[in-house]
């Protein structure tokens, strides 16, 4: 166990409408080794944080203490893989299960895996791999992966196309898909492709490139994702049962090797269009829905961490599930912003690829 020092600074952010000024302050609550890829609240004052290179920590926010967790399995921290997301279903928190996604070593190539475990003191116990996905490839790219819960006994998690584009249109593997399971890893009977030949029972939606943000809106019962485009064409999608989101047949992005559009166009019948497209790419690393009381002006808004353009991206959701014009917070921070979580008091916590855990609070409220 170790202690950490806090840094502190204040930023004033103005929304597009001058009458709707939002003032906030930011403090650094921890500095961790490596890239803090995922985080969630274990209780009201304790964060559990995953480090992509293969470690995890508990952060005691009341006492400024950091404890490293033991009990993790072998993790293939290679390329974009490693120990990825961590999440706890708030409706089932009393059961004690903590859910993880990670890249698992396999003979055919590392694979995205959904697992769960419990905590005893500073040890992870009862580790269970719930689904070792059929997602192997020879590349170290596009593992996904974020986790979301619907509060009704189901867990969603995302997997990228693993750097093999055609995977996303092939329902006989899990790559390029968002999957849905019961909390104990079983296949729900009402998944869209259950018992269909050459289609994986676990698939909820497909045609995704690399979704690294996933959130379920408990109030509206909507599932939102954000994914990386190639060169331009990052997307926010409203995820619906059984739908095809088009990659790589349709895309708003360009090839990396030249100014050539990817796919056949930007839309096609039978393929669900995105709710928002980013050109140029912001490189989204996460997605959060804000529902707290600390920032009432931001309620019912999506927030994404931007890796390439280095800011927090704020997009209000309108009544018809359309997305309003984006706002950019912390553009001068020069930090790749990775994970985002709403805290128990409505404050916003985020991590940076430089190892920082930061907290955004209303100015002078706390």
Protein backbone atom coordinates (compact mmCIF):
# COMPACT_ATOMS: atom_id res chain seq x y z
CA UNK A 1 0.00 0.00 0.00
CA UNK A 2 1.27 3.46 -0.83
CA UNK A 3 0.09 7.05 -0.54
CA UNK A 4 -0.04 9.64 -3.29
CA UNK A 5 0.06 13.39 -3.52
CA UNK A 6 -2.65 15.53 -5.01
CA UNK A 7 -2.21 18.32 -7.51
CA UNK A 8 -4.86 20.99 -7.93
CA UNK A 9 -5.86 23.55 -10.52
CA UNK A 10 -9.00 25.38 -11.64
CA UNK A 11 -10.51 25.73 -15.10
CA UNK A 12 -13.49 27.79 -16.22
CA UNK A 13 -15.40 26.25 -19.11
CA UNK A 14 -18.09 28.13 -21.06
CA UNK A 15 -20.71 26.25 -23.02
CA UNK A 16 -21.72 27.42 -26.47
CA UNK A 17 -24.53 29.48 -24.98
CA UNK A 18 -22.91 32.26 -22.92
CA UNK A 19 -25.78 32.19 -20.42
CA UNK A 20 -25.04 28.56 -19.51
CA UNK A 21 -21.58 28.90 -17.97
CA UNK A 22 -20.34 25.80 -16.16
CA UNK A 23 -17.55 26.38 -13.67
CA UNK A 24 -15.52 23.47 -12.44
CA UNK A 25 -12.29 22.63 -10.71
CA UNK A 26 -10.00 19.67 -11.25
CA UNK A 27 -7.73 17.86 -8.87
CA UNK A 28 -5.38 14.94 -9.36
CA UNK A 29 -6.33 12.09 -7.07
CA UNK A 30 -3.65 9.56 -8.03
CA UNK A 31 -0.62 8.89 -10.21
CA UNK A 32 -0.32 5.27 -11.35
CA UNK A 33 2.32 3.38 -13.35
CA UNK A 34 1.25 2.67 -16.91
CA UNK A 35 -2.02 3.43 -18.72
CA UNK A 36 -5.15 3.37 -16.47
CA UNK A 37 -7.44 1.75 -19.05
CA UNK A 38 -10.61 1.11 -17.04
CA UNK A 39 -12.07 2.14 -13.69
CA UNK A 40 -15.23 1.83 -11.64
CA UNK A 41 -16.38 2.51 -8.10
CA UNK A 42 -16.09 -0.48 -5.78
CA UNK A 43 -17.83 1.60 -3.09
CA UNK A 44 -18.48 5.31 -2.56
CA UNK A 45 -14.86 6.07 -1.70
CA UNK A 46 -12.90 3.34 -3.51
CA UNK A 47 -11.99 3.12 -7.17
CA UNK A 48 -10.81 -0.05 -8.83
CA UNK A 49 -8.50 0.75 -11.74
CA UNK A 50 -7.02 -1.51 -14.43
CA UNK A 51 -3.61 -0.87 -15.99
CA UNK A 52 -3.34 -2.08 -19.56
CA UNK A 53 0.08 -3.67 -18.99
CA UNK A 54 -1.57 -6.16 -16.63
CA UNK A 55 -2.07 -4.84 -13.10
CA UNK A 56 -4.99 -3.48 -11.10
CA UNK A 57 -5.28 -1.16 -8.11
CA UNK A 58 -7.70 -0.07 -5.42
CA UNK A 59 -7.66 3.69 -4.74
CA UNK A 60 -8.92 4.77 -1.33
CA UNK A 61 -10.02 8.32 -2.10
CA UNK A 62 -10.72 9.22 1.53
CA UNK A 63 -7.23 8.34 2.75
CA UNK A 64 -5.17 8.86 -0.43
CA UNK A 65 -4.00 5.23 -0.39
CA UNK A 66 -3.19 2.93 -3.31
CA UNK A 67 -3.20 -0.89 -3.04
CA UNK A 68 -2.17 -3.24 -5.82
CA UNK A 69 -4.45 -6.22 -6.36
CA UNK A 70 -3.13 -9.77 -6.68
CA UNK A 71 -4.86 -12.71 -8.33
CA UNK A 72 -4.96 -11.65 -11.98
CA UNK A 73 -4.54 -14.34 -14.67
CA UNK A 74 -1.93 -14.36 -17.43
CA UNK A 75 -2.61 -11.33 -19.61
CA UNK A 76 -1.32 -10.78 -23.15
CA UNK A 77 -0.24 -7.15 -22.91
CA UNK A 78 0.72 -6.84 -26.55
CA UNK A 79 -0.10 -4.07 -29.01
CA UNK A 80 -3.51 -2.65 -28.10
CA UNK A 81 -4.28 -5.63 -25.87
CA UNK A 82 -3.85 -6.09 -22.15
CA UNK A 83 -6.01 -5.70 -19.07
CA UNK A 84 -8.84 -3.57 -20.40
CA UNK A 85 -12.16 -2.60 -18.81
CA UNK A 86 -13.50 -3.12 -15.30
CA UNK A 87 -17.15 -2.64 -14.28
CA UNK A 88 -19.60 -3.50 -11.53
CA UNK A 89 -23.33 -3.79 -12.19
CA UNK A 90 -24.75 -1.29 -9.65
CA UNK A 91 -28.03 -3.17 -9.44
CA UNK A 92 -26.25 -6.38 -8.46
CA UNK A 93 -23.40 -4.90 -6.45
CA UNK A 94 -24.40 -6.96 -3.38
CA UNK A 95 -23.36 -10.15 -5.20
CA UNK A 96 -19.76 -9.00 -5.11
CA UNK A 97 -18.83 -9.73 -8.72
CA UNK A 98 -16.47 -7.43 -10.59
CA UNK A 99 -16.32 -7.80 -14.38
CA UNK A 100 -13.20 -7.46 -16.52
CA UNK A 101 -12.25 -7.65 -20.16
CA UNK A 102 -8.71 -8.56 -21.13
CA UNK A 103 -6.65 -10.09 -23.93
CA UNK A 104 -6.01 -13.73 -23.10
CA UNK A 105 -3.00 -15.60 -24.51
CA UNK A 106 -4.03 -18.30 -26.97
CA UNK A 107 -2.14 -20.50 -29.43
CA UNK A 108 -4.08 -19.10 -32.40
CA UNK A 109 -3.58 -15.47 -31.30
CA UNK A 110 -4.58 -13.39 -28.31
CA UNK A 111 -8.35 -13.12 -27.75
CA UNK A 112 -10.67 -10.69 -25.98
CA UNK A 113 -12.15 -12.35 -22.91
CA UNK A 114 -14.91 -11.40 -20.47
CA UNK A 115 -14.26 -12.50 -16.90
CA UNK A 116 -15.44 -11.82 -13.37
CA UNK A 117 -13.96 -12.10 -9.88
CA UNK A 118 -14.51 -11.02 -6.29
CA UNK A 119 -12.26 -9.06 -3.94
CA UNK A 120 -10.94 -10.31 -0.61
CA UNK A 121 -8.79 -7.64 1.05
CA UNK A 122 -6.35 -6.85 -1.78
CA UNK A 123 -6.73 -10.12 -3.70
CA UNK A 124 -8.97 -11.06 -6.60
CA UNK A 125 -10.56 -14.44 -5.89
CA UNK A 126 -12.92 -16.87 -7.67
CA UNK A 127 -11.72 -15.67 -11.09
CA UNK A 128 -14.01 -16.96 -13.86
CA UNK A 129 -13.55 -16.54 -17.61
CA UNK A 130 -17.16 -16.16 -18.77
CA UNK A 131 -16.46 -16.00 -22.50
CA UNK A 132 -13.14 -16.54 -24.26
CA UNK A 133 -14.23 -14.94 -27.50
CA UNK A 134 -13.64 -16.39 -30.94
CA UNK A 135 -11.63 -13.33 -31.93
CA UNK A 136 -8.05 -14.43 -32.57
CA UNK A 137 -5.93 -12.76 -35.22
CA UNK A 138 -2.27 -12.35 -36.07
CA UNK A 139 -2.41 -8.63 -35.24
CA UNK A 140 -2.20 -6.78 -31.93
CA UNK A 141 -5.01 -4.41 -32.90
CA UNK A 142 -8.66 -3.72 -32.08
CA UNK A 143 -9.44 -5.82 -29.01
CA UNK A 144 -12.16 -3.35 -27.90
CA UNK A 145 -13.31 -3.54 -25.14
CA UNK A 146 -15.82 -1.90 -22.80
CA UNK A 147 -18.50 -3.35 -20.53
CA UNK A 148 -22.09 -2.18 -19.85
CA UNK A 149 -25.05 -3.57 -17.89
CA UNK A 150 -28.79 -3.24 -18.58
CA UNK A 151 -29.76 -3.67 -14.91
CA UNK A 152 -31.92 -6.64 -15.84
CA UNK A 153 -29.36 -9.39 -15.50
CA UNK A 154 -27.42 -8.90 -18.73
CA UNK A 155 -23.90 -7.74 -19.50
CA UNK A 156 -22.78 -6.28 -22.83
CA UNK A 157 -19.19 -6.04 -24.00
CA UNK A 158 -17.51 -4.95 -27.20
CA UNK A 159 -14.81 -6.47 -29.40
CA UNK A 160 -13.07 -4.78 -32.31
CA UNK A 161 -12.50 -6.39 -35.71
CA UNK A 162 -8.98 -7.45 -34.55
CA UNK A 163 -7.43 -5.65 -37.52
CA UNK A 164 -9.16 -7.99 -39.99
CA UNK A 165 -11.91 -5.97 -41.62
CA UNK A 166 -14.02 -8.80 -42.97
CA UNK A 167 -14.45 -10.16 -39.43
CA UNK A 168 -17.02 -7.45 -38.70
CA UNK A 169 -19.44 -8.84 -41.32
CA UNK A 170 -18.82 -12.49 -40.46
CA UNK A 171 -21.29 -13.63 -37.81
CA UNK A 172 -19.40 -16.88 -37.34
CA UNK A 173 -16.84 -15.13 -35.13
CA UNK A 174 -17.11 -12.59 -32.31
CA UNK A 175 -14.78 -9.92 -33.70
CA UNK A 176 -16.30 -6.58 -34.74
CA UNK A 177 -19.33 -7.18 -32.53
CA UNK A 178 -21.07 -6.15 -29.35
CA UNK A 179 -21.98 -9.25 -27.34
CA UNK A 180 -24.69 -9.88 -24.73
CA UNK A 181 -24.64 -12.50 -21.97
CA UNK A 182 -26.34 -13.14 -18.66
CA UNK A 183 -24.32 -12.07 -15.62
CA UNK A 184 -23.08 -15.64 -15.14
CA UNK A 185 -21.97 -15.96 -18.77
CA UNK A 186 -24.92 -17.86 -20.23
CA UNK A 187 -26.54 -17.06 -23.56
CA UNK A 188 -29.87 -15.18 -23.24
CA UNK A 189 -32.67 -16.94 -25.11
CA UNK A 190 -33.73 -13.67 -26.77
CA UNK A 191 -30.38 -12.80 -28.34
CA UNK A 192 -30.96 -12.11 -32.05
CA UNK A 193 -28.94 -14.97 -33.58
CA UNK A 194 -29.54 -17.79 -31.12
CA UNK A 195 -29.54 -21.24 -32.79
CA UNK A 196 -28.95 -19.78 -36.27
CA UNK A 197 -26.48 -21.63 -38.45
CA UNK A 198 -23.01 -20.03 -38.80
CA UNK A 199 -23.93 -17.22 -36.41
CA UNK A 200 -22.62 -16.81 -32.89
CA UNK A 201 -25.33 -16.93 -30.23
CA UNK A 202 -23.65 -14.22 -28.14
CA UNK A 203 -23.80 -11.47 -30.80
CA UNK A 204 -26.09 -8.50 -30.16
CA UNK A 205 -24.91 -6.21 -32.99
CA UNK A 206 -22.17 -6.36 -35.62
CA UNK A 207 -20.35 -4.34 -38.28
CA UNK A 208 -18.17 -2.50 -35.75
CA UNK A 209 -14.54 -1.49 -36.23
CA UNK A 210 -13.26 -0.97 -32.68
CA UNK A 211 -15.81 0.12 -30.04
CA UNK A 212 -13.92 1.47 -27.02
CA UNK A 213 -16.89 3.15 -25.38
CA UNK A 214 -20.13 1.49 -24.28
CA UNK A 215 -22.87 2.72 -21.95
CA UNK A 216 -26.43 1.62 -21.15
CA UNK A 217 -28.92 4.38 -20.30
CA UNK A 218 -31.05 2.88 -17.53
CA UNK A 219 -33.74 5.56 -17.89
CA UNK A 220 -34.34 5.27 -21.63
CA UNK A 221 -33.18 1.64 -21.90
CA UNK A 222 -30.83 2.60 -24.73
CA UNK A 223 -27.37 1.22 -25.44
CA UNK A 224 -24.81 3.68 -26.85
CA UNK A 225 -21.34 3.00 -28.23
CA UNK A 226 -18.48 5.02 -29.62
CA UNK A 227 -15.90 3.49 -31.95
CA UNK A 228 -12.73 4.35 -33.81
CA UNK A 229 -12.92 5.06 -37.51
CA UNK A 230 -9.87 4.51 -39.70
CA UNK A 231 -8.66 8.01 -40.70
CA UNK A 232 -11.70 10.11 -39.91
CA UNK A 233 -15.07 8.53 -39.31
CA UNK A 234 -15.18 7.88 -35.57
CA UNK A 235 -18.83 7.09 -34.74
CA UNK A 236 -21.34 7.32 -31.93
CA UNK A 237 -23.98 4.65 -32.48
CA UNK A 238 -27.30 3.86 -30.86
CA UNK A 239 -27.04 0.07 -30.59
CA UNK A 240 -30.11 -1.98 -31.41
CA UNK A 241 -30.73 -5.70 -31.33
CA UNK A 242 -29.39 -7.61 -34.34
CA UNK A 243 -28.47 -4.61 -36.46
CA UNK A 244 -25.52 -4.25 -38.82
CA UNK A 245 -23.49 -1.05 -38.32
CA UNK A 246 -21.76 -1.34 -41.65
CA UNK A 247 -18.01 -1.64 -41.16
CA UNK A 248 -16.16 -2.05 -43.50
CA UNK A 249 -18.79 -1.88 -46.24
CA UNK A 250 -19.77 1.67 -45.26
CA UNK A 251 -17.56 4.19 -43.51
CA UNK A 252 -16.90 7.91 -43.22
CA UNK A 253 -13.15 7.33 -42.97
CA UNK A 254 -10.21 7.20 -45.35
CA UNK A 255 -7.51 4.62 -45.96
CA UNK A 256 -4.30 5.15 -44.01
CA UNK A 257 -2.23 4.79 -47.17
CA UNK A 258 -3.97 7.54 -49.15
CA UNK A 259 -6.99 9.85 -49.62
CA UNK A 260 -9.28 6.99 -50.63
CA UNK A 261 -12.63 6.35 -48.93
CA UNK A 262 -13.08 3.04 -47.14
CA UNK A 263 -15.93 0.87 -48.38
CA UNK A 264 -18.72 1.49 -50.88
CA UNK A 265 -19.92 4.79 -49.41
CA UNK A 266 -21.17 6.32 -46.20
CA UNK A 267 -24.56 4.56 -46.12
CA UNK A 268 -26.34 1.54 -47.51
CA UNK A 269 -29.81 -0.01 -47.04
CA UNK A 270 -29.84 -2.55 -44.25
CA UNK A 271 -26.97 -0.88 -42.39
CA UNK A 272 -27.60 1.36 -39.40
CA UNK A 273 -26.17 4.89 -39.77
CA UNK A 274 -24.27 6.51 -36.89
CA UNK A 275 -25.86 9.20 -34.73
CA UNK A 276 -22.68 11.24 -34.91
CA UNK A 277 -19.50 11.15 -37.01
CA UNK A 278 -16.18 12.79 -36.15
CA UNK A 279 -14.06 14.10 -39.04
CA UNK A 280 -11.19 14.36 -38.32
CA UNK A 281 -10.95 11.54 -35.80
CA UNK A 282 -10.76 12.38 -32.12
CA UNK A 283 -9.74 8.74 -31.34
CA UNK A 284 -12.36 7.98 -28.65
CA UNK A 285 -11.21 5.85 -25.72
CA UNK A 286 -14.36 5.71 -23.59
CA UNK A 287 -17.99 6.74 -23.23
CA UNK A 288 -19.96 7.98 -20.20
CA UNK A 289 -23.58 9.08 -19.76
CA UNK A 290 -23.91 11.85 -17.21
CA UNK A 291 -26.93 11.59 -14.89
CA UNK A 292 -25.65 13.27 -11.71
CA UNK A 293 -26.75 16.29 -9.70
CA UNK A 294 -23.36 18.00 -9.40
CA UNK A 295 -23.59 19.36 -12.96
CA UNK A 296 -27.31 19.74 -13.76
CA UNK A 297 -26.49 21.50 -17.05
CA UNK A 298 -24.80 18.31 -18.28
CA UNK A 299 -27.51 15.82 -17.43
CA UNK A 300 -28.45 13.45 -20.27
CA UNK A 301 -25.17 14.10 -22.07
CA UNK A 302 -22.56 11.75 -23.44
CA UNK A 303 -18.90 12.31 -22.59
CA UNK A 304 -16.02 10.64 -24.44
CA UNK A 305 -12.31 10.68 -23.73
CA UNK A 306 -10.31 11.73 -26.81
CA UNK A 307 -6.90 10.17 -27.29
CA UNK A 308 -5.62 11.77 -30.47
CA UNK A 309 -7.17 15.24 -30.08
CA UNK A 310 -6.64 15.17 -26.30
CA UNK A 311 -9.81 16.50 -24.67
CA UNK A 312 -13.11 15.42 -23.12
CA UNK A 313 -15.84 15.46 -25.75
CA UNK A 314 -19.31 16.50 -24.52
CA UNK A 315 -22.42 15.74 -26.64
CA UNK A 316 -25.96 16.37 -25.27
CA UNK A 317 -28.66 13.84 -26.18
CA UNK A 318 -31.86 15.40 -27.53
CA UNK A 319 -35.37 14.07 -26.87
CA UNK A 320 -35.53 12.12 -30.14
CA UNK A 321 -32.17 10.38 -29.47
CA UNK A 322 -30.42 12.73 -31.85
CA UNK A 323 -27.11 14.19 -30.73
CA UNK A 324 -26.50 17.92 -30.30
CA UNK A 325 -23.38 19.84 -31.28
CA UNK A 326 -20.23 18.71 -29.46
CA UNK A 327 -18.31 20.75 -26.89
CA UNK A 328 -14.65 20.18 -26.05
CA UNK A 329 -13.33 20.36 -22.50
CA UNK A 330 -9.68 20.48 -21.44
CA UNK A 331 -8.32 21.03 -24.93
CA UNK A 332 -5.19 22.61 -23.47
CA UNK A 333 -4.42 19.73 -21.12
CA UNK A 334 -2.17 17.91 -23.63
CA UNK A 335 -3.35 14.62 -22.13
CA UNK A 336 -4.66 11.52 -23.89
CA UNK A 337 -7.89 10.98 -21.96
CA UNK A 338 -8.76 7.32 -21.58
CA UNK A 339 -11.49 6.26 -19.11
CA UNK A 340 -14.43 8.27 -17.71
CA UNK A 341 -16.68 7.47 -14.73
CA UNK A 342 -19.39 9.37 -12.90
CA UNK A 343 -18.71 9.27 -9.16
CA UNK A 344 -21.25 8.67 -6.37
CA UNK A 345 -21.62 12.43 -5.75
CA UNK A 346 -21.96 13.29 -9.42
CA UNK A 347 -18.37 14.35 -9.86
CA UNK A 348 -16.57 13.13 -12.99
CA UNK A 349 -13.42 11.01 -12.75
CA UNK A 350 -11.14 10.41 -15.71
CA UNK A 351 -7.79 8.80 -16.42
CA UNK A 352 -4.99 9.84 -18.73
CA UNK A 353 -2.45 7.75 -20.59
CA UNK A 354 0.25 9.46 -18.50
CA UNK A 355 -1.09 7.54 -15.48
CA UNK A 356 -3.14 10.25 -13.80
CA UNK A 357 -6.55 9.80 -12.19
CA UNK A 358 -8.29 13.18 -12.21
CA UNK A 359 -11.54 14.46 -10.68
CA UNK A 360 -13.77 17.19 -12.07
CA UNK A 361 -16.00 18.95 -9.47
CA UNK A 362 -18.31 21.97 -9.47
CA UNK A 363 -16.32 25.06 -8.51
CA UNK A 364 -16.35 25.69 -4.73
CA UNK A 365 -19.08 23.10 -4.10
CA UNK A 366 -16.94 20.48 -2.35
